[in-house]
Every structure is written in C-alpha cells, then in structure tokens.
C-alpha cells in the first residue's frame, strides 16, 4: 500500500485484517510518517503505527512512546521487548501476538487494561514505575493498590487484593480463560465493561460495592449467578448487560 503525503491520522487498527500486507510505501517528502526496518512510525519516531518486522522476537523500536491500537501485526512470537522510552499502550496494542508467556513493563508506562496483551501468563512491572505495579504476576494495579486496571488473559482464577476499591473498565474484558474471581469487602466500584465477553460463570459482589457500570457483564454467556450481598435494587442498572438478565441476579438482603 502507498500512502499519500496528505494522510495525517493513522493507527495500527487502520490496517486491520490486511493479513497479506507486506509493505507500506511513503514518499520521501512525507512530513507525518516514516518507515524504519519496514515499520510505520510517526515522523518523530515516538508513535508506533504498525510493526511489520518478522522473527520470533517483537522488539519495539527505541524512542517509541506510544503503541497504537493493533500496532503489531498478527504473529506467533517467543518474546516481546518494550523500550524504556514507552509511556502508553492504547487499547489492543500488542494483543495479536501469540505464544509469549511473560512480559516486562518499563518504568514509564501509564495504566492500561486487559485488552493490551494476548494470552500471556505472567506480567511484571519495573519497580521504579510510579503509576502501576504487578500483583502475583497476574494483575496490574495502581501504585497505591486502590484501582485494578487489568487481569491478564491467560489466567483462570483471580483473588482481588484487599486494597482494591475500584475494578476498572475493561479490566477483565474478553478473559476467555477466567473461571472464578474472589472479591473481598472493600471494593466500592465496578466500572463499564469490566468483565464483558468473558467466560466467568459466577461472581459474588460484596456489600461495599456502591455502583456497577453499564455492560459490566455484557456477553458473559456462561454467567448464571451474580450474588450481591446487599438489599434488592440497591445498585442501579441491573443486570448490567448479563445475557440472561435479572434471572442471574441474587440479592442476599
């Protein structure tokens, strides 16, 4: 594909499902983008639009600060190496990479949700990162432990730390291996799409929860029981997208 100089807004998902795409061409006069080793980047090299290098190792170029949604073309790999310059991974950033078991998050990366990576089984965060931390190698929390941002895709059981007060949007989105989640008293908020499109079968909501966001359980086709330790209808929005509706909701008080 050849891109004209006038194009000024691209991200990886722009090229979604172009599975046979082998080369992107730019004019030397292009002031918005450049090609380095076959990869498409912003002109200043800080934004990765599309990573197209081949090989078992996905090595995001040094200097990249932002990985756009679907920036890495679908492939099987053994390792993903993120640069120290990285600050942000957007939406489905490197989700189309398979067979990578572990990943290390550099110290400057800001919070992200579960959509970012594929089915990894362990995630670590640089201890100097001021924004986020890893817990049990399976969850990404805010540095103070109060917000849960992501549960990784390749794990089936989660025990939410007692410090967590908020389960963020898309935190367990499309978790196709999740079977159970243990949530302690202290959680106050479950945000939009938190468990959407996952394989969760049952969930117990503690009495401390004050709000559940829209579509928190959308397309959770195996979810048959949402037990809430509160009085009936004390949380607005029931059934929050659950496919079988209020038949799944069980109020205990």
C-alpha atoms as a PDB file:
ATOM      1  CA  UNK A   1       0.000   0.000   0.000  1.00  0.00           C
ATOM      2  CA  UNK A   2       1.229   3.510  -0.849  1.00  0.00           C
ATOM      3  CA  UNK A   3       0.233   6.349   1.458  1.00  0.00           C
ATOM      4  CA  UNK A   4      -0.022   9.922   0.196  1.00  0.00           C
ATOM      5  CA  UNK A   5       1.597  12.856   1.997  1.00  0.00           C
ATOM      6  CA  UNK A   6      -1.835  14.184   2.956  1.00  0.00           C
ATOM      7  CA  UNK A   7      -2.637  11.325   5.341  1.00  0.00           C
ATOM      8  CA  UNK A   8      -2.136  12.592   8.883  1.00  0.00           C
ATOM      9  CA  UNK A   9      -4.030  10.253  11.217  1.00  0.00           C
ATOM     10  CA  UNK A  10      -3.194   6.553  11.330  1.00  0.00           C
ATOM     11  CA  UNK A  11      -3.097   3.774  13.926  1.00  0.00           C
ATOM     12  CA  UNK A  12      -2.498   0.060  13.708  1.00  0.00           C
ATOM     13  CA  UNK A  13      -6.171  -0.838  13.535  1.00  0.00           C
ATOM     14  CA  UNK A  14      -6.379   1.244  10.330  1.00  0.00           C
ATOM     15  CA  UNK A  15      -4.769  -1.759   8.633  1.00  0.00           C
ATOM     16  CA  UNK A  16      -6.892  -4.350  10.451  1.00  0.00           C
ATOM     17  CA  UNK A  17      -7.388  -7.726   8.708  1.00  0.00           C
ATOM     18  CA  UNK A  18      -4.958  -6.815   5.917  1.00  0.00           C
ATOM     19  CA  UNK A  19      -3.279 -10.160   6.577  1.00  0.00           C
ATOM     20  CA  UNK A  20      -1.313 -10.202   3.339  1.00  0.00           C
ATOM     21  CA  UNK A  21       0.094  -6.704   3.706  1.00  0.00           C
ATOM     22  CA  UNK A  22       3.838  -6.961   3.079  1.00  0.00           C
ATOM     23  CA  UNK A  23       4.978  -3.384   2.545  1.00  0.00           C
ATOM     24  CA  UNK A  24       3.958   0.194   3.212  1.00  0.00           C
ATOM     25  CA  UNK A  25       5.366   2.864   0.918  1.00  0.00           C
ATOM     26  CA  UNK A  26       5.804   6.563   1.636  1.00  0.00           C
ATOM     27  CA  UNK A  27       7.177   9.446  -0.365  1.00  0.00           C
ATOM     28  CA  UNK A  28      10.431  10.963   0.885  1.00  0.00           C
ATOM     29  CA  UNK A  29       8.516  14.227   1.212  1.00  0.00           C
ATOM     30  CA  UNK A  30       6.063  12.811   3.778  1.00  0.00           C
ATOM     31  CA  UNK A  31       6.103  15.078   6.845  1.00  0.00           C
ATOM     32  CA  UNK A  32       3.878  12.922   9.047  1.00  0.00           C
ATOM     33  CA  UNK A  33       5.294   9.397   8.919  1.00  0.00           C
ATOM     34  CA  UNK A  34       8.421   7.386   8.218  1.00  0.00           C
ATOM     35  CA  UNK A  35       9.394   3.760   7.565  1.00  0.00           C
ATOM     36  CA  UNK A  36      12.168   2.172   9.644  1.00  0.00           C
ATOM     37  CA  UNK A  37      13.023  -1.513   9.035  1.00  0.00           C
ATOM     38  CA  UNK A  38       9.629  -1.903   7.403  1.00  0.00           C
ATOM     39  CA  UNK A  39       7.791  -0.476  10.419  1.00  0.00           C
ATOM     40  CA  UNK A  40       5.498   2.547  10.151  1.00  0.00           C
ATOM     41  CA  UNK A  41       6.143   5.263  12.726  1.00  0.00           C
ATOM     42  CA  UNK A  42       5.284   8.903  13.260  1.00  0.00           C
ATOM     43  CA  UNK A  43       7.845  11.258  11.751  1.00  0.00           C
ATOM     44  CA  UNK A  44       9.496  11.903  15.121  1.00  0.00           C
ATOM     45  CA  UNK A  45       9.581   8.179  15.898  1.00  0.00           C
ATOM     46  CA  UNK A  46       7.605   8.473  19.138  1.00  0.00           C
ATOM     47  CA  UNK A  47       4.445   6.733  17.932  1.00  0.00           C
ATOM     48  CA  UNK A  48       4.367   3.178  16.556  1.00  0.00           C
ATOM     49  CA  UNK A  49       1.649   2.871  13.942  1.00  0.00           C
ATOM     50  CA  UNK A  50       2.379  -0.598  12.551  1.00  0.00           C
ATOM     51  CA  UNK A  51       5.124  -3.108  13.425  1.00  0.00           C
ATOM     52  CA  UNK A  52       5.855  -5.395  10.475  1.00  0.00           C
ATOM     53  CA  UNK A  53       9.277  -6.906  11.156  1.00  0.00           C
ATOM     54  CA  UNK A  54       9.411 -10.693  11.119  1.00  0.00           C
ATOM     55  CA  UNK A  55      11.071 -13.093  13.561  1.00  0.00           C
ATOM     56  CA  UNK A  56      10.449 -14.767  16.902  1.00  0.00           C
ATOM     57  CA  UNK A  57      11.133 -11.585  18.882  1.00  0.00           C
ATOM     58  CA  UNK A  58       8.952  -8.492  18.713  1.00  0.00           C
ATOM     59  CA  UNK A  59      11.286  -5.620  19.611  1.00  0.00           C
ATOM     60  CA  UNK A  60       9.514  -2.285  19.689  1.00  0.00           C
ATOM     61  CA  UNK A  61      11.951   0.398  18.420  1.00  0.00           C
ATOM     62  CA  UNK A  62      13.776   2.592  20.927  1.00  0.00           C
ATOM     63  CA  UNK A  63      12.278   6.054  21.193  1.00  0.00           C
ATOM     64  CA  UNK A  64       8.667   4.876  20.830  1.00  0.00           C
ATOM     65  CA  UNK A  65       6.448   6.463  23.480  1.00  0.00           C
ATOM     66  CA  UNK A  66       3.035   5.339  22.213  1.00  0.00           C
ATOM     67  CA  UNK A  67       1.950   1.987  20.775  1.00  0.00           C
ATOM     68  CA  UNK A  68      -1.317   2.491  18.879  1.00  0.00           C
ATOM     69  CA  UNK A  69      -4.219   0.025  18.877  1.00  0.00           C
ATOM     70  CA  UNK A  70      -3.386  -3.152  16.905  1.00  0.00           C
ATOM     71  CA  UNK A  71       0.073  -1.749  16.179  1.00  0.00           C
ATOM     72  CA  UNK A  72       1.689  -5.185  15.939  1.00  0.00           C
ATOM     73  CA  UNK A  73       0.531  -7.328  13.039  1.00  0.00           C
ATOM     74  CA  UNK A  74      -0.744 -10.825  13.964  1.00  0.00           C
ATOM     75  CA  UNK A  75       2.035 -13.343  14.548  1.00  0.00           C
ATOM     76  CA  UNK A  76       3.393 -16.042  16.810  1.00  0.00           C
ATOM     77  CA  UNK A  77       6.440 -14.955  18.808  1.00  0.00           C
ATOM     78  CA  UNK A  78       8.583 -16.023  21.731  1.00  0.00           C
ATOM     79  CA  UNK A  79       9.246 -12.626  23.265  1.00  0.00           C
ATOM     80  CA  UNK A  80       8.038  -9.027  23.303  1.00  0.00           C
ATOM     81  CA  UNK A  81      10.609  -6.380  24.229  1.00  0.00           C
ATOM     82  CA  UNK A  82       9.275  -2.953  25.135  1.00  0.00           C
ATOM     83  CA  UNK A  83      11.602   0.098  25.076  1.00  0.00           C
ATOM     84  CA  UNK A  84      12.426   2.170  28.160  1.00  0.00           C
ATOM     85  CA  UNK A  85      11.006   5.180  26.332  1.00  0.00           C
ATOM     86  CA  UNK A  86       7.486   3.675  26.244  1.00  0.00           C
ATOM     87  CA  UNK A  87       4.751   5.627  28.037  1.00  0.00           C
ATOM     88  CA  UNK A  88       1.416   4.449  26.665  1.00  0.00           C
ATOM     89  CA  UNK A  89      -0.137   1.351  25.094  1.00  0.00           C
ATOM     90  CA  UNK A  90      -3.531   2.010  23.551  1.00  0.00           C
ATOM     91  CA  UNK A  91      -6.451  -0.454  23.527  1.00  0.00           C
ATOM     92  CA  UNK A  92      -5.429  -3.657  21.685  1.00  0.00           C
ATOM     93  CA  UNK A  93      -1.801  -2.553  21.280  1.00  0.00           C
ATOM     94  CA  UNK A  94       0.040  -5.890  21.025  1.00  0.00           C
ATOM     95  CA  UNK A  95      -2.901  -8.246  21.527  1.00  0.00           C
ATOM     96  CA  UNK A  96      -2.328 -10.067  18.227  1.00  0.00           C
ATOM     97  CA  UNK A  97       0.944 -11.636  19.391  1.00  0.00           C
ATOM     98  CA  UNK A  98       0.601 -15.275  20.489  1.00  0.00           C
ATOM     99  CA  UNK A  99       2.716 -17.740  22.487  1.00  0.00           C
ATOM    100  CA  UNK A 100       4.506 -15.105  24.575  1.00  0.00           C
ATOM    101  CA  UNK A 101       4.246 -16.287  28.189  1.00  0.00           C
ATOM    102  CA  UNK A 102       5.715 -13.365  30.110  1.00  0.00           C
ATOM    103  CA  UNK A 103       6.178  -9.655  29.533  1.00  0.00           C
ATOM    104  CA  UNK A 104       8.021  -6.895  31.380  1.00  0.00           C
ATOM    105  CA  UNK A 105       6.555  -3.392  31.602  1.00  0.00           C
ATOM    106  CA  UNK A 106       9.058  -0.487  31.657  1.00  0.00           C
ATOM    107  CA  UNK A 107       9.104   2.215  34.321  1.00  0.00           C
ATOM    108  CA  UNK A 108       7.383   4.990  32.349  1.00  0.00           C
ATOM    109  CA  UNK A 109       4.278   3.098  31.177  1.00  0.00           C
ATOM    110  CA  UNK A 110       0.957   4.517  32.360  1.00  0.00           C
ATOM    111  CA  UNK A 111      -2.118   2.418  33.280  1.00  0.00           C
ATOM    112  CA  UNK A 112      -3.656   0.098  30.665  1.00  0.00           C
ATOM    113  CA  UNK A 113      -6.419  -2.522  30.655  1.00  0.00           C
ATOM    114  CA  UNK A 114      -6.653  -6.219  29.758  1.00  0.00           C
ATOM    115  CA  UNK A 115      -7.100  -5.600  26.022  1.00  0.00           C
ATOM    116  CA  UNK A 116      -3.466  -4.621  25.522  1.00  0.00           C
ATOM    117  CA  UNK A 117      -1.846  -8.066  25.513  1.00  0.00           C
ATOM    118  CA  UNK A 118      -2.719 -11.538  24.282  1.00  0.00           C
ATOM    119  CA  UNK A 119      -2.850 -14.688  26.402  1.00  0.00           C
ATOM    120  CA  UNK A 120       0.263 -14.190  28.488  1.00  0.00           C
ATOM    121  CA  UNK A 121       0.511 -15.923  31.880  1.00  0.00           C
ATOM    122  CA  UNK A 122       2.789 -13.570  33.793  1.00  0.00           C
ATOM    123  CA  UNK A 123       3.377  -9.836  33.786  1.00  0.00           C
ATOM    124  CA  UNK A 124       5.934  -7.800  35.706  1.00  0.00           C
ATOM    125  CA  UNK A 125       6.350  -4.049  36.131  1.00  0.00           C
ATOM    126  CA  UNK A 126       9.570  -2.147  36.740  1.00  0.00           C
ATOM    127  CA  UNK A 127       9.679  -1.316  40.455  1.00  0.00           C
ATOM    128  CA  UNK A 128      10.508   2.306  39.617  1.00  0.00           C
ATOM    129  CA  UNK A 129       7.225   2.757  37.744  1.00  0.00           C
ATOM    130  CA  UNK A 130       5.303   5.492  39.659  1.00  0.00           C
ATOM    131  CA  UNK A 131       1.910   4.684  38.118  1.00  0.00           C
ATOM    132  CA  UNK A 132       1.327   0.940  38.282  1.00  0.00           C
ATOM    133  CA  UNK A 133       2.511  -2.295  39.860  1.00  0.00           C
ATOM    134  CA  UNK A 134       2.086  -6.018  39.248  1.00  0.00           C
ATOM    135  CA  UNK A 135       0.450  -8.274  41.864  1.00  0.00           C
ATOM    136  CA  UNK A 136       1.055 -12.026  41.787  1.00  0.00           C
ATOM    137  CA  UNK A 137       2.261 -11.599  38.216  1.00  0.00           C
ATOM    138  CA  UNK A 138      -1.371 -11.705  37.083  1.00  0.00           C
ATOM    139  CA  UNK A 139      -2.872  -8.280  37.787  1.00  0.00           C
ATOM    140  CA  UNK A 140      -1.989  -4.647  37.149  1.00  0.00           C
ATOM    141  CA  UNK A 141      -2.925  -2.245  39.950  1.00  0.00           C
ATOM    142  CA  UNK A 142      -2.393   1.433  40.608  1.00  0.00           C
ATOM    143  CA  UNK A 143       0.719   2.107  42.637  1.00  0.00           C
ATOM    144  CA  UNK A 144      -1.376   2.658  45.775  1.00  0.00           C
ATOM    145  CA  UNK A 145      -3.234  -0.601  45.144  1.00  0.00           C
ATOM    146  CA  UNK A 146      -6.683   1.006  45.117  1.00  0.00           C
ATOM    147  CA  UNK A 147      -7.533   0.539  41.430  1.00  0.00           C
ATOM    148  CA  UNK A 148      -7.312  -2.705  39.497  1.00  0.00           C
ATOM    149  CA  UNK A 149      -6.615  -1.935  35.850  1.00  0.00           C
ATOM    150  CA  UNK A 150      -6.039  -5.347  34.266  1.00  0.00           C
ATOM    151  CA  UNK A 151      -6.141  -9.062  34.876  1.00  0.00           C
ATOM    152  CA  UNK A 152      -4.030 -10.887  32.315  1.00  0.00           C
ATOM    153  CA  UNK A 153      -5.740 -13.030  29.711  1.00  0.00           C
ATOM    154  CA  UNK A 154      -4.060 -16.395  30.255  1.00  0.00           C
ATOM    155  CA  UNK A 155      -5.103 -16.945  33.888  1.00  0.00           C
ATOM    156  CA  UNK A 156      -8.272 -18.682  35.124  1.00  0.00           C
ATOM    157  CA  UNK A 157      -8.508 -17.739  38.820  1.00  0.00           C
ATOM    158  CA  UNK A 158      -8.066 -14.360  40.459  1.00  0.00           C
ATOM    159  CA  UNK A 159      -8.024 -13.230  44.082  1.00  0.00           C
ATOM    160  CA  UNK A 160      -8.509  -9.465  44.192  1.00  0.00           C
ATOM    161  CA  UNK A 161      -6.176  -7.831  46.754  1.00  0.00           C
ATOM    162  CA  UNK A 162      -7.884  -6.352  49.825  1.00  0.00           C
ATOM    163  CA  UNK A 163      -6.560  -2.877  48.987  1.00  0.00           C
ATOM    164  CA  UNK A 164      -8.654  -2.640  45.795  1.00  0.00           C
ATOM    165  CA  UNK A 165     -11.541  -0.161  45.864  1.00  0.00           C
ATOM    166  CA  UNK A 166     -12.225   0.092  42.140  1.00  0.00           C
ATOM    167  CA  UNK A 167     -12.242  -2.523  39.370  1.00  0.00           C
ATOM    168  CA  UNK A 168     -11.572  -0.501  36.250  1.00  0.00           C
ATOM    169  CA  UNK A 169     -13.183  -0.505  32.811  1.00  0.00           C
ATOM    170  CA  UNK A 170     -12.189  -3.458  30.601  1.00  0.00           C
ATOM    171  CA  UNK A 171     -10.111  -4.901  33.458  1.00  0.00           C
ATOM    172  CA  UNK A 172     -11.149  -8.498  32.651  1.00  0.00           C
ATOM    173  CA  UNK A 173     -12.574  -7.865  29.190  1.00  0.00           C
ATOM    174  CA  UNK A 174     -12.560 -10.897  26.876  1.00  0.00           C
ATOM    175  CA  UNK A 175     -10.893 -13.065  29.523  1.00  0.00           C
ATOM    176  CA  UNK A 176     -11.588 -16.361  27.822  1.00  0.00           C
ATOM    177  CA  UNK A 177      -9.896 -18.487  30.489  1.00  0.00           C
ATOM    178  CA  UNK A 178     -11.371 -16.884  33.601  1.00  0.00           C
ATOM    179  CA  UNK A 179     -13.459 -19.261  35.700  1.00  0.00           C
ATOM    180  CA  UNK A 180     -13.565 -17.668  39.139  1.00  0.00           C
ATOM    181  CA  UNK A 181     -12.819 -14.371  40.846  1.00  0.00           C
ATOM    182  CA  UNK A 182     -12.656 -13.741  44.580  1.00  0.00           C
ATOM    183  CA  UNK A 183     -13.547 -10.195  45.562  1.00  0.00           C
ATOM    184  CA  UNK A 184     -13.092  -9.045  49.157  1.00  0.00           C
ATOM    185  CA  UNK A 185     -15.056  -6.482  51.146  1.00  0.00           C
ATOM    186  CA  UNK A 186     -13.696  -3.047  50.337  1.00  0.00           C
ATOM    187  CA  UNK A 187     -14.402  -2.933  46.606  1.00  0.00           C
ATOM    188  CA  UNK A 188     -16.701   0.041  46.037  1.00  0.00           C
ATOM    189  CA  UNK A 189     -16.970   0.383  42.266  1.00  0.00           C
ATOM    190  CA  UNK A 190     -17.020  -1.884  39.210  1.00  0.00           C
ATOM    191  CA  UNK A 191     -16.673   0.145  36.024  1.00  0.00           C
ATOM    192  CA  UNK A 192     -18.099  -0.272  32.495  1.00  0.00           C
ATOM    193  CA  UNK A 193     -17.336  -3.482  30.580  1.00  0.00           C
ATOM    194  CA  UNK A 194     -15.161  -4.782  33.441  1.00  0.00           C
ATOM    195  CA  UNK A 195     -15.983  -8.461  32.781  1.00  0.00           C
ATOM    196  CA  UNK A 196     -17.504  -8.182  29.307  1.00  0.00           C
ATOM    197  CA  UNK A 197     -17.182 -11.013  26.759  1.00  0.00           C
ATOM    198  CA  UNK A 198     -15.523 -13.311  29.293  1.00  0.00           C
ATOM    199  CA  UNK A 199     -16.124 -16.886  30.458  1.00  0.00           C
ATOM    200  CA  UNK A 200     -16.933 -16.081  34.084  1.00  0.00           C
ATOM    201  CA  UNK A 201     -19.646 -18.419  35.438  1.00  0.00           C
ATOM    202  CA  UNK A 202     -20.395 -16.993  38.890  1.00  0.00           C
ATOM    203  CA  UNK A 203     -19.405 -13.912  40.841  1.00  0.00           C
ATOM    204  CA  UNK A 204     -20.049 -12.690  44.387  1.00  0.00           C
ATOM    205  CA  UNK A 205     -20.381  -8.933  44.846  1.00  0.00           C
ATOM    206  CA  UNK A 206     -19.509  -7.685  48.371  1.00  0.00           C
ATOM    207  CA  UNK A 207     -21.738  -5.351  50.377  1.00  0.00           C
ATOM    208  CA  UNK A 208     -19.269  -2.480  49.979  1.00  0.00           C
ATOM    209  CA  UNK A 209     -19.916  -2.130  46.236  1.00  0.00           C
ATOM    210  CA  UNK A 210     -21.872   1.069  45.543  1.00  0.00           C
ATOM    211  CA  UNK A 211     -22.001   1.076  41.742  1.00  0.00           C
ATOM    212  CA  UNK A 212     -21.660  -1.288  38.784  1.00  0.00           C
ATOM    213  CA  UNK A 213     -21.063   0.236  35.362  1.00  0.00           C
ATOM    214  CA  UNK A 214     -23.033  -0.327  32.188  1.00  0.00           C
ATOM    215  CA  UNK A 215     -22.402  -3.605  30.375  1.00  0.00           C
ATOM    216  CA  UNK A 216     -20.078  -4.822  33.106  1.00  0.00           C
ATOM    217  CA  UNK A 217     -21.209  -8.377  32.238  1.00  0.00           C
ATOM    218  CA  UNK A 218     -22.122  -7.968  28.566  1.00  0.00           C
ATOM    219  CA  UNK A 219     -21.873 -11.172  26.504  1.00  0.00           C
ATOM    220  CA  UNK A 220     -20.751 -13.213  29.511  1.00  0.00           C
ATOM    221  CA  UNK A 221     -22.658 -16.148  28.039  1.00  0.00           C
ATOM    222  CA  UNK A 222     -21.656 -18.583  30.790  1.00  0.00           C
ATOM    223  CA  UNK A 223     -22.568 -16.271  33.663  1.00  0.00           C
ATOM    224  CA  UNK A 224     -25.537 -17.705  35.543  1.00  0.00           C
ATOM    225  CA  UNK A 225     -25.133 -16.242  39.030  1.00  0.00           C
ATOM    226  CA  UNK A 226     -24.316 -12.729  40.253  1.00  0.00           C
ATOM    227  CA  UNK A 227     -24.740 -12.880  44.032  1.00  0.00           C
ATOM    228  CA  UNK A 228     -24.887  -9.471  45.701  1.00  0.00           C
ATOM    229  CA  UNK A 229     -24.597  -9.067  49.462  1.00  0.00           C
ATOM    230  CA  UNK A 230     -26.993  -6.090  49.523  1.00  0.00           C
ATOM    231  CA  UNK A 231     -30.705  -5.286  49.506  1.00  0.00           C
ATOM    232  CA  UNK A 232     -32.635  -5.699  46.254  1.00  0.00           C
ATOM    233  CA  UNK A 233     -32.070  -2.962  43.644  1.00  0.00           C
ATOM    234  CA  UNK A 234     -29.684  -1.059  45.929  1.00  0.00           C
ATOM    235  CA  UNK A 235     -27.250  -0.852  42.993  1.00  0.00           C
ATOM    236  CA  UNK A 236     -28.656   0.763  39.858  1.00  0.00           C
ATOM    237  CA  UNK A 237     -28.520  -0.690  36.359  1.00  0.00           C
ATOM    238  CA  UNK A 238     -29.277  -4.388  36.967  1.00  0.00           C
ATOM    239  CA  UNK A 239     -28.475  -6.727  35.204  1.00  0.00           C
ATOM    240  CA  UNK A 240     -25.549  -4.702  33.765  1.00  0.00           C
ATOM    241  CA  UNK A 241     -25.587  -6.465  30.406  1.00  0.00           C
ATOM    242  CA  UNK A 242     -25.750 -10.043  31.715  1.00  0.00           C
ATOM    243  CA  UNK A 243     -27.187 -12.148  28.840  1.00  0.00           C
ATOM    244  CA  UNK A 244     -29.822 -13.945  30.945  1.00  0.00           C
ATOM    245  CA  UNK A 245     -30.924 -10.718  32.579  1.00  0.00           C
ATOM    246  CA  UNK A 246     -32.170 -10.400  36.142  1.00  0.00           C
ATOM    247  CA  UNK A 247     -32.539 -14.177  36.412  1.00  0.00           C
ATOM    248  CA  UNK A 248     -28.805 -14.200  37.182  1.00  0.00           C
ATOM    249  CA  UNK A 249     -29.016 -11.569  39.941  1.00  0.00           C
ATOM    250  CA  UNK A 250     -29.391 -12.841  43.509  1.00  0.00           C
ATOM    251  CA  UNK A 251     -29.798 -10.209  46.241  1.00  0.00           C
ATOM    252  CA  UNK A 252     -28.994 -11.582  49.698  1.00  0.00           C
ATOM    253  CA  UNK A 253     -30.696  -8.905  51.831  1.00  0.00           C
END
